[in-house]
Amino acid sequence: MNKGLNFISLAQKAGKVKAGEYLTMKALKEGKAHLTVIAADTSEKAKARISRACDVFGCKAVVFGSKAELGHFTGAQNKSVICLTDEGFSNGLLKILEQI
């Protein structure tokens, strides 16, 4: 799990992460989101809302980490959802998550 979180931190430092539901939804609507990461401890209602938005805008969604972990590794407090706005980082994170 640490490898995935460290990869998210690297993407954040490169400026390729949008953290929080508002910024994630904005990136989805603008077609900039390539991968959405939903924290495992997010409410089922919020998970469903975000997953529907990902389906509508053609973005893959994965459940990974906790709100505290996503927040910590993106330099913020608890975040229930983040998105990666770079295809390379998105593919890299998916490969890491497949190995976990």
C-alpha atoms as a PDB file:
ATOM      1  CA  MET A   1       0.000   0.000   0.000  1.00  0.00           C
ATOM      2  CA  ASN A   2       2.850   2.391   0.777  1.00  0.00           C
ATOM      3  CA  LYS A   3       4.136   2.151  -2.773  1.00  0.00           C
ATOM      4  CA  GLY A   4       0.776   3.335  -4.130  1.00  0.00           C
ATOM      5  CA  LEU A   5       0.575   6.175  -1.619  1.00  0.00           C
ATOM      6  CA  ASN A   6       4.150   7.230  -2.339  1.00  0.00           C
ATOM      7  CA  PHE A   7       3.310   7.262  -6.043  1.00  0.00           C
ATOM      8  CA  ILE A   8       0.328   9.533  -5.334  1.00  0.00           C
ATOM      9  CA  SER A   9       2.666  11.824  -3.382  1.00  0.00           C
ATOM     10  CA  LEU A  10       5.034  11.952  -6.360  1.00  0.00           C
ATOM     11  CA  ALA A  11       2.156  12.834  -8.691  1.00  0.00           C
ATOM     12  CA  GLN A  12       1.079  15.554  -6.237  1.00  0.00           C
ATOM     13  CA  LYS A  13       4.569  17.070  -6.256  1.00  0.00           C
ATOM     14  CA  ALA A  14       4.434  17.076 -10.068  1.00  0.00           C
ATOM     15  CA  GLY A  15       1.140  18.996  -9.918  1.00  0.00           C
ATOM     16  CA  LYS A  16      -0.907  16.160 -11.424  1.00  0.00           C
ATOM     17  CA  VAL A  17      -3.364  15.560  -8.553  1.00  0.00           C
ATOM     18  CA  LYS A  18      -6.650  17.280  -7.760  1.00  0.00           C
ATOM     19  CA  ALA A  19      -7.676  16.582  -4.155  1.00  0.00           C
ATOM     20  CA  GLY A  20     -11.188  16.779  -2.800  1.00  0.00           C
ATOM     21  CA  GLU A  21     -14.614  16.176  -4.248  1.00  0.00           C
ATOM     22  CA  TYR A  22     -15.102  19.673  -5.687  1.00  0.00           C
ATOM     23  CA  LEU A  23     -11.805  19.732  -7.614  1.00  0.00           C
ATOM     24  CA  THR A  24     -12.235  16.123  -8.717  1.00  0.00           C
ATOM     25  CA  MET A  25     -15.730  16.783 -10.091  1.00  0.00           C
ATOM     26  CA  LYS A  26     -14.437  19.905 -11.845  1.00  0.00           C
ATOM     27  CA  ALA A  27     -11.593  17.923 -13.452  1.00  0.00           C
ATOM     28  CA  LEU A  28     -14.057  15.214 -14.519  1.00  0.00           C
ATOM     29  CA  LYS A  29     -16.375  17.752 -16.154  1.00  0.00           C
ATOM     30  CA  GLU A  30     -13.442  19.410 -17.936  1.00  0.00           C
ATOM     31  CA  GLY A  31     -12.196  16.038 -19.205  1.00  0.00           C
ATOM     32  CA  LYS A  32      -8.879  16.383 -17.361  1.00  0.00           C
ATOM     33  CA  ALA A  33      -9.235  13.452 -14.950  1.00  0.00           C
ATOM     34  CA  HIS A  34      -7.622  10.177 -16.047  1.00  0.00           C
ATOM     35  CA  LEU A  35      -8.035   8.205 -12.810  1.00  0.00           C
ATOM     36  CA  THR A  36     -10.155   8.837  -9.734  1.00  0.00           C
ATOM     37  CA  VAL A  37      -9.132   7.358  -6.382  1.00  0.00           C
ATOM     38  CA  ILE A  38     -11.859   7.016  -3.757  1.00  0.00           C
ATOM     39  CA  ALA A  39     -10.899   6.381  -0.123  1.00  0.00           C
ATOM     40  CA  ALA A  40     -12.146   3.060   1.232  1.00  0.00           C
ATOM     41  CA  ASP A  41     -13.708   4.740   4.278  1.00  0.00           C
ATOM     42  CA  THR A  42     -15.802   7.140   2.194  1.00  0.00           C
ATOM     43  CA  SER A  43     -19.553   6.785   2.728  1.00  0.00           C
ATOM     44  CA  GLU A  44     -21.390   4.479   0.327  1.00  0.00           C
ATOM     45  CA  LYS A  45     -23.543   7.386  -0.851  1.00  0.00           C
ATOM     46  CA  ALA A  46     -20.490   9.482  -1.746  1.00  0.00           C
ATOM     47  CA  LYS A  47     -18.794   6.495  -3.419  1.00  0.00           C
ATOM     48  CA  ALA A  48     -21.887   5.957  -5.564  1.00  0.00           C
ATOM     49  CA  ARG A  49     -22.100   9.658  -6.492  1.00  0.00           C
ATOM     50  CA  ILE A  50     -18.437   9.822  -7.499  1.00  0.00           C
ATOM     51  CA  SER A  51     -18.579   6.487  -9.359  1.00  0.00           C
ATOM     52  CA  ARG A  52     -21.611   7.679 -11.358  1.00  0.00           C
ATOM     53  CA  ALA A  53     -19.775  10.866 -12.311  1.00  0.00           C
ATOM     54  CA  CYS A  54     -16.773   8.790 -13.413  1.00  0.00           C
ATOM     55  CA  ASP A  55     -19.036   6.615 -15.573  1.00  0.00           C
ATOM     56  CA  VAL A  56     -20.688   9.666 -17.141  1.00  0.00           C
ATOM     57  CA  PHE A  57     -17.384  11.365 -17.937  1.00  0.00           C
ATOM     58  CA  GLY A  58     -15.482   8.205 -18.933  1.00  0.00           C
ATOM     59  CA  CYS A  59     -12.934   8.089 -16.132  1.00  0.00           C
ATOM     60  CA  LYS A  60     -11.776   4.946 -14.332  1.00  0.00           C
ATOM     61  CA  ALA A  61     -12.379   4.891 -10.567  1.00  0.00           C
ATOM     62  CA  VAL A  62     -10.595   2.766  -7.960  1.00  0.00           C
ATOM     63  CA  VAL A  63     -11.057   2.418  -4.208  1.00  0.00           C
ATOM     64  CA  PHE A  64      -7.750   2.694  -2.363  1.00  0.00           C
ATOM     65  CA  GLY A  65      -6.399   3.917   0.954  1.00  0.00           C
ATOM     66  CA  SER A  66      -8.188   5.860   3.650  1.00  0.00           C
ATOM     67  CA  LYS A  67      -9.261   9.495   3.834  1.00  0.00           C
ATOM     68  CA  ALA A  68      -6.404  10.218   6.240  1.00  0.00           C
ATOM     69  CA  GLU A  69      -3.839   8.551   3.949  1.00  0.00           C
ATOM     70  CA  LEU A  70      -5.054  10.297   0.793  1.00  0.00           C
ATOM     71  CA  GLY A  71      -5.027  13.601   2.646  1.00  0.00           C
ATOM     72  CA  HIS A  72      -1.577  13.047   4.120  1.00  0.00           C
ATOM     73  CA  PHE A  73       0.016  11.990   0.849  1.00  0.00           C
ATOM     74  CA  THR A  74      -1.495  14.954  -1.025  1.00  0.00           C
ATOM     75  CA  GLY A  75      -0.403  17.459   1.605  1.00  0.00           C
ATOM     76  CA  ALA A  76      -3.870  18.132   3.010  1.00  0.00           C
ATOM     77  CA  GLN A  77      -6.217  16.888   5.680  1.00  0.00           C
ATOM     78  CA  ASN A  78      -8.673  14.047   5.129  1.00  0.00           C
ATOM     79  CA  LYS A  79      -9.665  13.687   1.465  1.00  0.00           C
ATOM     80  CA  SER A  80     -12.335  11.239   0.386  1.00  0.00           C
ATOM     81  CA  VAL A  81     -11.436  11.456  -3.289  1.00  0.00           C
ATOM     82  CA  ILE A  82      -8.573  12.559  -5.508  1.00  0.00           C
ATOM     83  CA  CYS A  83      -7.980  12.372  -9.225  1.00  0.00           C
ATOM     84  CA  LEU A  84      -4.859  12.148 -11.330  1.00  0.00           C
ATOM     85  CA  THR A  85      -4.775  14.469 -14.317  1.00  0.00           C
ATOM     86  CA  ASP A  86      -1.879  12.847 -16.138  1.00  0.00           C
ATOM     87  CA  GLU A  87      -2.268   9.672 -18.172  1.00  0.00           C
ATOM     88  CA  GLY A  88       1.237   8.439 -17.376  1.00  0.00           C
ATOM     89  CA  PHE A  89       0.796   8.801 -13.628  1.00  0.00           C
ATOM     90  CA  SER A  90      -2.656   7.209 -13.885  1.00  0.00           C
ATOM     91  CA  ASN A  91      -1.318   4.169 -15.721  1.00  0.00           C
ATOM     92  CA  GLY A  92       1.597   3.915 -13.294  1.00  0.00           C
ATOM     93  CA  LEU A  93      -0.685   3.926 -10.267  1.00  0.00           C
ATOM     94  CA  LEU A  94      -2.974   1.322 -11.834  1.00  0.00           C
ATOM     95  CA  LYS A  95       0.034  -0.979 -12.395  1.00  0.00           C
ATOM     96  CA  ILE A  96       1.087  -0.553  -8.770  1.00  0.00           C
ATOM     97  CA  LEU A  97      -2.429  -1.242  -7.500  1.00  0.00           C
ATOM     98  CA  GLU A  98      -2.645  -4.418  -9.605  1.00  0.00           C
ATOM     99  CA  GLN A  99       0.429  -5.756  -7.775  1.00  0.00           C
ATOM    100  CA  ILE A 100      -1.018  -5.106  -4.321  1.00  0.00           C
END
